[in-house]
Amino acid sequence: MRRLLVEVPATSANLGPGFDTLGLALNIVDTVQVELQEDNQDVVLCSVAGEDIDRLDPRENLICRAYRAWAEDTGEDLPGARFSLQSRIPVGKGLGSSAASIVAGLSAATKVAGTEDSRARALFLAARLEGHADNVAAAMYGGLVTTFVDGDSVHALHVANHLSLGIALFVPQEPLPTDETRAGLPQSVAMADAVFGLGRLAYLTTALIWGKWELIGPAMQDRLHQPYRGRLLPALDHVIAAALEGGAYGSALSGGGPTVIALGPAAQAEQFAAAMEVQAEKSGWVGKSVVTQVRHLGVQIKEE
């Protein structure tokens, strides 16, 4: 029986002003074992183990849907597959768990199909399933990625893949569904707020490219999404402030939240992680801090 092993990273999107544009791969990895069922195309199932997983539809989960989506889009015949997910990415916490599942399923499909130059098509399908491209692109490429969607095309480029930053996460106990946070976003914004974000996004990406990491703090401020999502998270600004006071260069909501991400010197990551956790506890926000790094590799897949 042919077996594959897929490793796919957690991701943090937006980093403040990069709404639906920036994605950063983190060194927290889901692993998926795949057993191919060459004699039964109708078997596409997934079982799961790990934190934050209460239940998973064995057939209609995102890994299986993504695997089938490749076959449906390309018309290629794929063998059946049994997926076994070891979940390490917190679910519903703004760390790209759904993107990781989608990328894992599509990566398995492209590996089995043996399709040349499949990444662009896989990225488009991943973005369609996810609803936006930032997390899935970072999960596929690794490092810090910028994306935009143009009709039926998804464009993605590395901003930087050499970021030796320390990263601290404050991961709240209670999840915050992405659908809920997106529902609170405005349909239009003031010109001043758009200019506020554009300037900071350009400055943030330039500082990260050039290694001027100590300058990123003000550039991680946002007016497009974070203030609206912050209404659901009253302690958000206090935890961000604590991260900065604890030595982080910059801090922001991770994706749609509720996780807070802070970037700073690797040697001080434990310090600003602890500062966030202490402030959250003072504010009655239950959760835990996690220290990690940038993952420079995107999804990896190999034969077992």
C-alpha atoms as a PDB file:
ATOM      1  CA  MET A   1       0.000   0.000   0.000  1.00  0.00           C
ATOM      2  CA  ARG A   2       1.357   3.419  -0.941  1.00  0.00           C
ATOM      3  CA  ARG A   3       1.691   5.876   1.956  1.00  0.00           C
ATOM      4  CA  LEU A   4       2.473   9.576   2.085  1.00  0.00           C
ATOM      5  CA  LEU A   5       3.345  11.939   4.908  1.00  0.00           C
ATOM      6  CA  VAL A   6       2.333  15.599   4.655  1.00  0.00           C
ATOM      7  CA  GLU A   7       3.638  18.340   6.957  1.00  0.00           C
ATOM      8  CA  VAL A   8       1.913  21.721   6.761  1.00  0.00           C
ATOM      9  CA  PRO A   9       2.507  24.798   8.935  1.00  0.00           C
ATOM     10  CA  ALA A  10       0.290  27.095  10.924  1.00  0.00           C
ATOM     11  CA  THR A  11       0.052  30.616   9.548  1.00  0.00           C
ATOM     12  CA  SER A  12      -0.648  34.098  10.836  1.00  0.00           C
ATOM     13  CA  ALA A  13      -2.341  36.463   8.419  1.00  0.00           C
ATOM     14  CA  ASN A  14      -2.585  40.246   8.166  1.00  0.00           C
ATOM     15  CA  LEU A  15       0.125  41.235  10.715  1.00  0.00           C
ATOM     16  CA  GLY A  16      -1.881  44.397  11.205  1.00  0.00           C
ATOM     17  CA  PRO A  17      -2.330  46.328   7.951  1.00  0.00           C
ATOM     18  CA  GLY A  18      -1.967  43.404   5.519  1.00  0.00           C
ATOM     19  CA  PHE A  19      -5.644  42.420   5.567  1.00  0.00           C
ATOM     20  CA  ASP A  20      -6.159  39.424   3.237  1.00  0.00           C
ATOM     21  CA  THR A  21      -2.714  40.220   1.816  1.00  0.00           C
ATOM     22  CA  LEU A  22       0.111  39.078   4.129  1.00  0.00           C
ATOM     23  CA  GLY A  23       0.625  35.589   5.512  1.00  0.00           C
ATOM     24  CA  LEU A  24       3.432  34.294   7.718  1.00  0.00           C
ATOM     25  CA  ALA A  25       4.242  30.594   8.170  1.00  0.00           C
ATOM     26  CA  LEU A  26       4.900  29.516  11.765  1.00  0.00           C
ATOM     27  CA  ASN A  27       6.853  26.590  13.148  1.00  0.00           C
ATOM     28  CA  ILE A  28       3.743  24.812  14.429  1.00  0.00           C
ATOM     29  CA  VAL A  29       2.994  21.899  12.149  1.00  0.00           C
ATOM     30  CA  ASP A  30       0.077  19.584  11.437  1.00  0.00           C
ATOM     31  CA  THR A  31       1.040  16.177  10.064  1.00  0.00           C
ATOM     32  CA  VAL A  32      -1.205  14.076   7.853  1.00  0.00           C
ATOM     33  CA  GLN A  33      -0.564  10.442   7.036  1.00  0.00           C
ATOM     34  CA  VAL A  34      -2.147   9.270   3.794  1.00  0.00           C
ATOM     35  CA  GLU A  35      -2.902   5.678   2.862  1.00  0.00           C
ATOM     36  CA  LEU A  36      -3.852   5.434  -0.786  1.00  0.00           C
ATOM     37  CA  GLN A  37      -6.625   3.018  -1.743  1.00  0.00           C
ATOM     38  CA  GLU A  38      -5.686   2.218  -5.322  1.00  0.00           C
ATOM     39  CA  ASP A  39      -8.553  -0.247  -5.744  1.00  0.00           C
ATOM     40  CA  ASN A  40     -11.325   2.001  -4.398  1.00  0.00           C
ATOM     41  CA  GLN A  41     -11.700   5.577  -5.643  1.00  0.00           C
ATOM     42  CA  ASP A  42     -14.835   6.080  -3.571  1.00  0.00           C
ATOM     43  CA  VAL A  43     -13.003   5.901  -0.221  1.00  0.00           C
ATOM     44  CA  VAL A  44     -11.891   9.380   0.876  1.00  0.00           C
ATOM     45  CA  LEU A  45     -11.945   9.549   4.664  1.00  0.00           C
ATOM     46  CA  CYS A  46     -10.131  11.379   7.440  1.00  0.00           C
ATOM     47  CA  SER A  47      -9.625  10.613  11.117  1.00  0.00           C
ATOM     48  CA  VAL A  48      -8.037  13.038  13.558  1.00  0.00           C
ATOM     49  CA  ALA A  49      -6.184  13.275  16.843  1.00  0.00           C
ATOM     50  CA  GLY A  50      -4.833  16.276  18.707  1.00  0.00           C
ATOM     51  CA  GLU A  51      -5.736  19.365  20.668  1.00  0.00           C
ATOM     52  CA  ASP A  52      -8.896  21.390  20.093  1.00  0.00           C
ATOM     53  CA  ILE A  53     -10.532  18.715  17.926  1.00  0.00           C
ATOM     54  CA  ASP A  54     -13.968  17.808  19.224  1.00  0.00           C
ATOM     55  CA  ARG A  55     -15.276  16.196  16.106  1.00  0.00           C
ATOM     56  CA  LEU A  56     -14.515  15.986  12.418  1.00  0.00           C
ATOM     57  CA  ASP A  57     -16.837  14.860   9.681  1.00  0.00           C
ATOM     58  CA  PRO A  58     -14.914  11.900   8.248  1.00  0.00           C
ATOM     59  CA  ARG A  59     -15.934  12.678   4.665  1.00  0.00           C
ATOM     60  CA  GLU A  60     -16.766  16.381   4.454  1.00  0.00           C
ATOM     61  CA  ASN A  61     -13.771  17.820   6.296  1.00  0.00           C
ATOM     62  CA  LEU A  62     -11.491  20.248   4.480  1.00  0.00           C
ATOM     63  CA  ILE A  63      -8.710  17.731   3.810  1.00  0.00           C
ATOM     64  CA  CYS A  64     -11.069  15.375   1.987  1.00  0.00           C
ATOM     65  CA  ARG A  65     -12.879  18.211   0.221  1.00  0.00           C
ATOM     66  CA  ALA A  66      -9.593  19.640  -1.029  1.00  0.00           C
ATOM     67  CA  TYR A  67      -8.414  16.235  -2.262  1.00  0.00           C
ATOM     68  CA  ARG A  68     -11.646  15.771  -4.185  1.00  0.00           C
ATOM     69  CA  ALA A  69     -11.573  19.363  -5.456  1.00  0.00           C
ATOM     70  CA  TRP A  70      -8.379  18.689  -7.383  1.00  0.00           C
ATOM     71  CA  ALA A  71      -9.940  15.706  -9.148  1.00  0.00           C
ATOM     72  CA  GLU A  72     -13.143  17.613  -9.869  1.00  0.00           C
ATOM     73  CA  ASP A  73     -11.286  20.627 -11.257  1.00  0.00           C
ATOM     74  CA  THR A  74      -8.748  18.746 -13.372  1.00  0.00           C
ATOM     75  CA  GLY A  75     -10.800  15.715 -14.356  1.00  0.00           C
ATOM     76  CA  GLU A  76      -7.981  13.454 -13.196  1.00  0.00           C
ATOM     77  CA  ASP A  77      -8.751  10.097 -11.620  1.00  0.00           C
ATOM     78  CA  LEU A  78      -7.335   9.872  -8.115  1.00  0.00           C
ATOM     79  CA  PRO A  79      -7.213   6.766  -5.957  1.00  0.00           C
ATOM     80  CA  GLY A  80      -9.169   6.597  -2.749  1.00  0.00           C
ATOM     81  CA  ALA A  81      -7.346   7.891   0.331  1.00  0.00           C
ATOM     82  CA  ARG A  82      -7.504   7.518   4.085  1.00  0.00           C
ATOM     83  CA  PHE A  83      -6.097  10.552   5.865  1.00  0.00           C
ATOM     84  CA  SER A  84      -4.989  10.575   9.492  1.00  0.00           C
ATOM     85  CA  LEU A  85      -4.492  14.091  10.873  1.00  0.00           C
ATOM     86  CA  GLN A  86      -2.299  14.782  13.888  1.00  0.00           C
ATOM     87  CA  SER A  87      -3.544  18.240  14.801  1.00  0.00           C
ATOM     88  CA  ARG A  88      -1.161  20.661  16.507  1.00  0.00           C
ATOM     89  CA  ILE A  89      -2.553  23.910  15.083  1.00  0.00           C
ATOM     90  CA  PRO A  90      -5.239  25.320  17.394  1.00  0.00           C
ATOM     91  CA  VAL A  91      -8.620  25.369  15.661  1.00  0.00           C
ATOM     92  CA  GLY A  92     -10.645  28.582  15.423  1.00  0.00           C
ATOM     93  CA  LYS A  93      -7.830  30.667  16.879  1.00  0.00           C
ATOM     94  CA  GLY A  94      -6.595  32.689  13.889  1.00  0.00           C
ATOM     95  CA  LEU A  95      -3.641  30.424  13.113  1.00  0.00           C
ATOM     96  CA  GLY A  96      -4.680  28.990   9.770  1.00  0.00           C
ATOM     97  CA  SER A  97      -5.947  25.551  10.775  1.00  0.00           C
ATOM     98  CA  SER A  98      -8.430  25.471   7.887  1.00  0.00           C
ATOM     99  CA  ALA A  99      -5.782  26.646   5.409  1.00  0.00           C
ATOM    100  CA  ALA A 100      -3.443  23.900   6.608  1.00  0.00           C
ATOM    101  CA  SER A 101      -6.090  21.246   6.027  1.00  0.00           C
ATOM    102  CA  ILE A 102      -6.874  22.552   2.552  1.00  0.00           C
ATOM    103  CA  VAL A 103      -3.215  22.698   1.558  1.00  0.00           C
ATOM    104  CA  ALA A 104      -2.608  19.207   2.939  1.00  0.00           C
ATOM    105  CA  GLY A 105      -5.459  17.726   0.889  1.00  0.00           C
ATOM    106  CA  LEU A 106      -4.434  19.490  -2.308  1.00  0.00           C
ATOM    107  CA  SER A 107      -0.771  18.612  -1.836  1.00  0.00           C
ATOM    108  CA  ALA A 108      -1.659  14.943  -1.481  1.00  0.00           C
ATOM    109  CA  ALA A 109      -3.751  15.160  -4.642  1.00  0.00           C
ATOM    110  CA  THR A 110      -1.032  16.811  -6.721  1.00  0.00           C
ATOM    111  CA  LYS A 111       1.576  14.339  -5.465  1.00  0.00           C
ATOM    112  CA  VAL A 112      -0.598  11.369  -6.391  1.00  0.00           C
ATOM    113  CA  ALA A 113      -1.530  12.857  -9.756  1.00  0.00           C
ATOM    114  CA  GLY A 114       2.109  13.616 -10.561  1.00  0.00           C
ATOM    115  CA  THR A 115       1.053  16.860 -12.206  1.00  0.00           C
ATOM    116  CA  GLU A 116       3.875  19.140 -13.381  1.00  0.00           C
ATOM    117  CA  ASP A 117       3.775  22.831 -12.428  1.00  0.00           C
ATOM    118  CA  SER A 118       0.734  22.276 -10.232  1.00  0.00           C
ATOM    119  CA  ARG A 119       1.384  24.966  -7.611  1.00  0.00           C
ATOM    120  CA  ALA A 120      -0.464  27.836  -9.328  1.00  0.00           C
ATOM    121  CA  ARG A 121      -3.568  25.719  -9.865  1.00  0.00           C
ATOM    122  CA  ALA A 122      -3.400  24.322  -6.341  1.00  0.00           C
ATOM    123  CA  LEU A 123      -3.061  27.840  -4.920  1.00  0.00           C
ATOM    124  CA  PHE A 124      -6.122  28.999  -6.852  1.00  0.00           C
ATOM    125  CA  LEU A 125      -8.188  26.045  -5.636  1.00  0.00           C
ATOM    126  CA  ALA A 126      -6.943  26.541  -2.081  1.00  0.00           C
ATOM    127  CA  ALA A 127      -7.902  30.222  -2.122  1.00  0.00           C
ATOM    128  CA  ARG A 128     -11.324  29.348  -3.521  1.00  0.00           C
ATOM    129  CA  LEU A 129     -11.948  26.825  -0.753  1.00  0.00           C
ATOM    130  CA  GLU A 130     -10.595  29.115   1.967  1.00  0.00           C
ATOM    131  CA  GLY A 131     -12.223  32.306   0.677  1.00  0.00           C
ATOM    132  CA  HIS A 132      -8.954  34.289   0.707  1.00  0.00           C
ATOM    133  CA  ALA A 133      -5.360  33.594  -0.283  1.00  0.00           C
ATOM    134  CA  ASP A 134      -3.066  34.854   2.491  1.00  0.00           C
ATOM    135  CA  ASN A 135      -3.038  31.830   4.825  1.00  0.00           C
ATOM    136  CA  VAL A 136      -3.026  29.182   2.095  1.00  0.00           C
ATOM    137  CA  ALA A 137      -0.176  30.888   0.234  1.00  0.00           C
ATOM    138  CA  ALA A 138       1.963  31.062   3.368  1.00  0.00           C
ATOM    139  CA  ALA A 139       1.201  27.412   4.137  1.00  0.00           C
ATOM    140  CA  MET A 140       2.265  26.436   0.625  1.00  0.00           C
ATOM    141  CA  TYR A 141       5.359  28.645   0.255  1.00  0.00           C
ATOM    142  CA  GLY A 142       6.627  29.192   3.813  1.00  0.00           C
ATOM    143  CA  GLY A 143       8.137  32.406   5.154  1.00  0.00           C
ATOM    144  CA  LEU A 144       6.324  35.700   4.682  1.00  0.00           C
ATOM    145  CA  VAL A 145       4.145  35.852   1.575  1.00  0.00           C
ATOM    146  CA  THR A 146       2.103  38.596  -0.050  1.00  0.00           C
ATOM    147  CA  THR A 147      -0.878  37.769  -2.239  1.00  0.00           C
ATOM    148  CA  PHE A 148      -3.669  39.227  -4.292  1.00  0.00           C
ATOM    149  CA  VAL A 149      -6.501  37.722  -6.312  1.00  0.00           C
ATOM    150  CA  ASP A 150      -7.122  38.852  -9.890  1.00  0.00           C
ATOM    151  CA  GLY A 151     -10.176  37.142 -11.330  1.00  0.00           C
ATOM    152  CA  ASP A 152      -9.272  33.489 -11.733  1.00  0.00           C
ATOM    153  CA  SER A 153      -5.621  34.051 -10.852  1.00  0.00           C
ATOM    154  CA  VAL A 154      -3.966  34.175  -7.457  1.00  0.00           C
ATOM    155  CA  HIS A 155      -0.621  35.960  -7.309  1.00  0.00           C
ATOM    156  CA  ALA A 156       1.779  35.142  -4.473  1.00  0.00           C
ATOM    157  CA  LEU A 157       5.373  36.178  -3.805  1.00  0.00           C
ATOM    158  CA  HIS A 158       7.790  35.815  -0.938  1.00  0.00           C
ATOM    159  CA  VAL A 159       8.304  39.090   0.876  1.00  0.00           C
ATOM    160  CA  ALA A 160      11.096  37.548   2.923  1.00  0.00           C
ATOM    161  CA  ASN A 161      12.234  34.068   3.792  1.00  0.00           C
ATOM    162  CA  HIS A 162      15.088  34.956   6.104  1.00  0.00           C
ATOM    163  CA  LEU A 163      13.278  36.256   9.173  1.00  0.00           C
ATOM    164  CA  SER A 164      15.149  35.143  12.290  1.00  0.00           C
ATOM    165  CA  LEU A 165      12.590  36.797  14.520  1.00  0.00           C
ATOM    166  CA  GLY A 166      11.278  35.494  17.796  1.00  0.00           C
ATOM    167  CA  ILE A 167       7.517  35.064  17.750  1.00  0.00           C
ATOM    168  CA  ALA A 168       5.197  34.907  20.727  1.00  0.00           C
ATOM    169  CA  LEU A 169       1.529  34.028  20.551  1.00  0.00           C
ATOM    170  CA  PHE A 170      -1.138  34.584  23.130  1.00  0.00           C
ATOM    171  CA  VAL A 171      -3.685  31.884  22.340  1.00  0.00           C
ATOM    172  CA  PRO A 172      -7.028  32.408  24.116  1.00  0.00           C
ATOM    173  CA  GLN A 173      -8.904  29.415  25.405  1.00  0.00           C
ATOM    174  CA  GLU A 174     -12.135  30.319  23.616  1.00  0.00           C
ATOM    175  CA  PRO A 175     -12.125  30.265  19.804  1.00  0.00           C
ATOM    176  CA  LEU A 176     -13.473  33.065  17.650  1.00  0.00           C
ATOM    177  CA  PRO A 177     -15.022  31.789  14.404  1.00  0.00           C
ATOM    178  CA  THR A 178     -13.786  33.609  11.299  1.00  0.00           C
ATOM    179  CA  ASP A 179     -17.339  33.967   9.955  1.00  0.00           C
ATOM    180  CA  GLU A 180     -18.290  35.845  13.098  1.00  0.00           C
ATOM    181  CA  THR A 181     -15.369  38.257  12.919  1.00  0.00           C
ATOM    182  CA  ARG A 182     -15.833  38.928   9.190  1.00  0.00           C
ATOM    183  CA  ALA A 183     -19.507  39.679   9.726  1.00  0.00           C
ATOM    184  CA  GLY A 184     -18.517  42.673  11.832  1.00  0.00           C
ATOM    185  CA  LEU A 185     -16.319  44.273   9.173  1.00  0.00           C
ATOM    186  CA  PRO A 186     -17.587  47.361   7.337  1.00  0.00           C
ATOM    187  CA  GLN A 187     -18.428  47.289   3.645  1.00  0.00           C
ATOM    188  CA  SER A 188     -16.542  50.534   3.049  1.00  0.00           C
ATOM    189  CA  VAL A 189     -13.956  52.587   4.911  1.00  0.00           C
ATOM    190  CA  ALA A 190     -12.942  56.235   4.992  1.00  0.00           C
ATOM    191  CA  MET A 191     -10.202  57.375   2.614  1.00  0.00           C
ATOM    192  CA  ALA A 192      -8.082  58.400   5.599  1.00  0.00           C
ATOM    193  CA  ASP A 193      -8.258  54.885   7.002  1.00  0.00           C
ATOM    194  CA  ALA A 194      -7.320  53.367   3.647  1.00  0.00           C
ATOM    195  CA  VAL A 195      -4.290  55.660   3.361  1.00  0.00           C
ATOM    196  CA  PHE A 196      -3.370  54.882   6.984  1.00  0.00           C
ATOM    197  CA  GLY A 197      -3.249  51.183   6.106  1.00  0.00           C
ATOM    198  CA  LEU A 198      -1.505  51.517   2.743  1.00  0.00           C
ATOM    199  CA  GLY A 199       1.356  53.520   4.204  1.00  0.00           C
ATOM    200  CA  ARG A 200       1.875  51.077   7.030  1.00  0.00           C
ATOM    201  CA  LEU A 201       1.651  48.020   4.795  1.00  0.00           C
ATOM    202  CA  ALA A 202       4.307  49.412   2.455  1.00  0.00           C
ATOM    203  CA  TYR A 203       6.522  50.386   5.393  1.00  0.00           C
ATOM    204  CA  LEU A 204       6.061  47.055   7.171  1.00  0.00           C
ATOM    205  CA  THR A 205       6.975  44.941   4.147  1.00  0.00           C
ATOM    206  CA  THR A 206       9.964  47.149   3.333  1.00  0.00           C
ATOM    207  CA  ALA A 207      11.262  46.989   6.904  1.00  0.00           C
ATOM    208  CA  LEU A 208      10.910  43.202   6.945  1.00  0.00           C
ATOM    209  CA  ILE A 209      12.677  42.817   3.597  1.00  0.00           C
ATOM    210  CA  TRP A 210      15.587  45.001   4.670  1.00  0.00           C
ATOM    211  CA  GLY A 211      15.912  43.550   8.154  1.00  0.00           C
ATOM    212  CA  LYS A 212      14.904  46.799   9.872  1.00  0.00           C
ATOM    213  CA  TRP A 213      12.817  44.774  12.262  1.00  0.00           C
ATOM    214  CA  GLU A 214      13.075  47.185  15.165  1.00  0.00           C
ATOM    215  CA  LEU A 215      11.044  49.708  13.145  1.00  0.00           C
ATOM    216  CA  ILE A 216       7.938  47.621  12.531  1.00  0.00           C
ATOM    217  CA  GLY A 217       5.915  48.537  15.640  1.00  0.00           C
ATOM    218  CA  PRO A 218       3.948  51.543  14.337  1.00  0.00           C
ATOM    219  CA  ALA A 219       3.614  49.842  10.940  1.00  0.00           C
ATOM    220  CA  MET A 220       1.642  46.953  12.486  1.00  0.00           C
ATOM    221  CA  GLN A 221      -1.213  49.279  13.415  1.00  0.00           C
ATOM    222  CA  ASP A 222      -4.435  48.897  11.450  1.00  0.00           C
ATOM    223  CA  ARG A 223      -7.791  50.561  10.833  1.00  0.00           C
ATOM    224  CA  LEU A 224      -9.358  48.227   8.261  1.00  0.00           C
ATOM    225  CA  HIS A 225     -10.174  45.168  10.351  1.00  0.00           C
ATOM    226  CA  GLN A 226      -8.527  45.104  13.768  1.00  0.00           C
ATOM    227  CA  PRO A 227     -10.610  47.807  15.491  1.00  0.00           C
ATOM    228  CA  TYR A 228     -13.834  46.066  14.441  1.00  0.00           C
ATOM    229  CA  ARG A 229     -12.674  42.620  15.510  1.00  0.00           C
ATOM    230  CA  GLY A 230     -11.297  44.158  18.674  1.00  0.00           C
ATOM    231  CA  ARG A 231     -14.845  44.974  19.764  1.00  0.00           C
ATOM    232  CA  LEU A 232     -15.233  41.249  20.410  1.00  0.00           C
ATOM    233  CA  LEU A 233     -11.930  41.185  22.327  1.00  0.00           C
ATOM    234  CA  PRO A 234     -11.927  43.968  24.927  1.00  0.00           C
ATOM    235  CA  ALA A 235      -8.437  43.120  26.245  1.00  0.00           C
ATOM    236  CA  LEU A 236      -6.782  43.079  22.804  1.00  0.00           C
ATOM    237  CA  ASP A 237      -5.173  46.527  22.954  1.00  0.00           C
ATOM    238  CA  HIS A 238      -3.905  45.884  26.491  1.00  0.00           C
ATOM    239  CA  VAL A 239      -2.246  42.617  25.476  1.00  0.00           C
ATOM    240  CA  ILE A 240      -0.645  44.251  22.425  1.00  0.00           C
ATOM    241  CA  ALA A 241       0.678  47.050  24.630  1.00  0.00           C
ATOM    242  CA  ALA A 242       2.072  44.497  27.090  1.00  0.00           C
ATOM    243  CA  ALA A 243       3.916  42.719  24.275  1.00  0.00           C
ATOM    244  CA  LEU A 244       5.567  45.988  23.223  1.00  0.00           C
ATOM    245  CA  GLU A 245       6.467  46.867  26.783  1.00  0.00           C
ATOM    246  CA  GLY A 246       7.910  43.355  27.169  1.00  0.00           C
ATOM    247  CA  GLY A 247      10.351  43.883  24.321  1.00  0.00           C
ATOM    248  CA  ALA A 248       8.458  42.976  21.143  1.00  0.00           C
ATOM    249  CA  TYR A 249       9.069  45.067  18.042  1.00  0.00           C
ATOM    250  CA  GLY A 250       5.427  44.875  16.990  1.00  0.00           C
ATOM    251  CA  SER A 251       2.186  43.082  17.765  1.00  0.00           C
ATOM    252  CA  ALA A 252      -1.228  42.572  16.186  1.00  0.00           C
ATOM    253  CA  LEU A 253      -4.241  40.308  16.002  1.00  0.00           C
ATOM    254  CA  SER A 254      -3.382  37.058  14.231  1.00  0.00           C
ATOM    255  CA  GLY A 255      -5.724  36.629  11.287  1.00  0.00           C
ATOM    256  CA  GLY A 256      -9.311  36.974  12.442  1.00  0.00           C
ATOM    257  CA  GLY A 257      -8.247  36.281  16.035  1.00  0.00           C
ATOM    258  CA  PRO A 258      -8.529  35.724  18.844  1.00  0.00           C
ATOM    259  CA  THR A 259      -4.782  34.891  18.991  1.00  0.00           C
ATOM    260  CA  VAL A 260      -2.408  37.823  19.374  1.00  0.00           C
ATOM    261  CA  ILE A 261       0.978  37.627  17.632  1.00  0.00           C
ATOM    262  CA  ALA A 262       4.100  39.539  18.652  1.00  0.00           C
ATOM    263  CA  LEU A 263       7.377  39.757  16.713  1.00  0.00           C
ATOM    264  CA  GLY A 264      10.655  40.681  18.358  1.00  0.00           C
ATOM    265  CA  PRO A 265      14.204  39.604  19.207  1.00  0.00           C
ATOM    266  CA  ALA A 266      14.435  35.838  19.506  1.00  0.00           C
ATOM    267  CA  ALA A 267      16.335  36.170  22.788  1.00  0.00           C
ATOM    268  CA  GLN A 268      13.415  38.075  24.329  1.00  0.00           C
ATOM    269  CA  ALA A 269      10.526  36.020  22.990  1.00  0.00           C
ATOM    270  CA  GLU A 270       9.907  34.268  26.301  1.00  0.00           C
ATOM    271  CA  GLN A 271       9.835  37.663  27.982  1.00  0.00           C
ATOM    272  CA  PHE A 272       7.206  39.274  25.798  1.00  0.00           C
ATOM    273  CA  ALA A 273       5.236  36.023  25.681  1.00  0.00           C
ATOM    274  CA  ALA A 274       5.027  36.093  29.473  1.00  0.00           C
ATOM    275  CA  ALA A 275       4.087  39.781  29.434  1.00  0.00           C
ATOM    276  CA  MET A 276       1.123  39.071  27.165  1.00  0.00           C
ATOM    277  CA  GLU A 277      -0.065  36.182  29.310  1.00  0.00           C
ATOM    278  CA  VAL A 278       0.199  38.203  32.528  1.00  0.00           C
ATOM    279  CA  GLN A 279      -1.753  41.111  31.049  1.00  0.00           C
ATOM    280  CA  ALA A 280      -4.405  38.802  29.627  1.00  0.00           C
ATOM    281  CA  GLU A 281      -4.856  37.180  33.026  1.00  0.00           C
ATOM    282  CA  LYS A 282      -5.245  40.607  34.637  1.00  0.00           C
ATOM    283  CA  SER A 283      -7.916  41.387  32.061  1.00  0.00           C
ATOM    284  CA  GLY A 284      -9.768  38.127  32.652  1.00  0.00           C
ATOM    285  CA  TRP A 285      -8.822  36.735  29.247  1.00  0.00           C
ATOM    286  CA  VAL A 286      -8.073  33.035  29.701  1.00  0.00           C
ATOM    287  CA  GLY A 287      -5.378  31.535  27.510  1.00  0.00           C
ATOM    288  CA  LYS A 288      -1.733  30.593  27.223  1.00  0.00           C
ATOM    289  CA  SER A 289       1.383  31.966  25.578  1.00  0.00           C
ATOM    290  CA  VAL A 290       3.394  30.047  22.991  1.00  0.00           C
ATOM    291  CA  VAL A 291       6.872  30.837  21.674  1.00  0.00           C
ATOM    292  CA  THR A 292       7.704  29.843  18.116  1.00  0.00           C
ATOM    293  CA  GLN A 293       9.628  30.970  15.032  1.00  0.00           C
ATOM    294  CA  VAL A 294       9.069  31.642  11.363  1.00  0.00           C
ATOM    295  CA  ARG A 295       8.901  28.434   9.350  1.00  0.00           C
ATOM    296  CA  HIS A 296      10.867  28.983   6.183  1.00  0.00           C
ATOM    297  CA  LEU A 297       9.501  25.858   4.483  1.00  0.00           C
ATOM    298  CA  GLY A 298       5.967  25.557   3.256  1.00  0.00           C
ATOM    299  CA  VAL A 299       4.078  22.284   2.938  1.00  0.00           C
ATOM    300  CA  GLN A 300       6.289  19.210   2.641  1.00  0.00           C
ATOM    301  CA  ILE A 301       5.206  15.835   1.317  1.00  0.00           C
ATOM    302  CA  LYS A 302       7.145  12.602   1.010  1.00  0.00           C
ATOM    303  CA  GLU A 303       6.667   8.915   0.417  1.00  0.00           C
ATOM    304  CA  GLU A 304       6.736   6.790   3.560  1.00  0.00           C
END
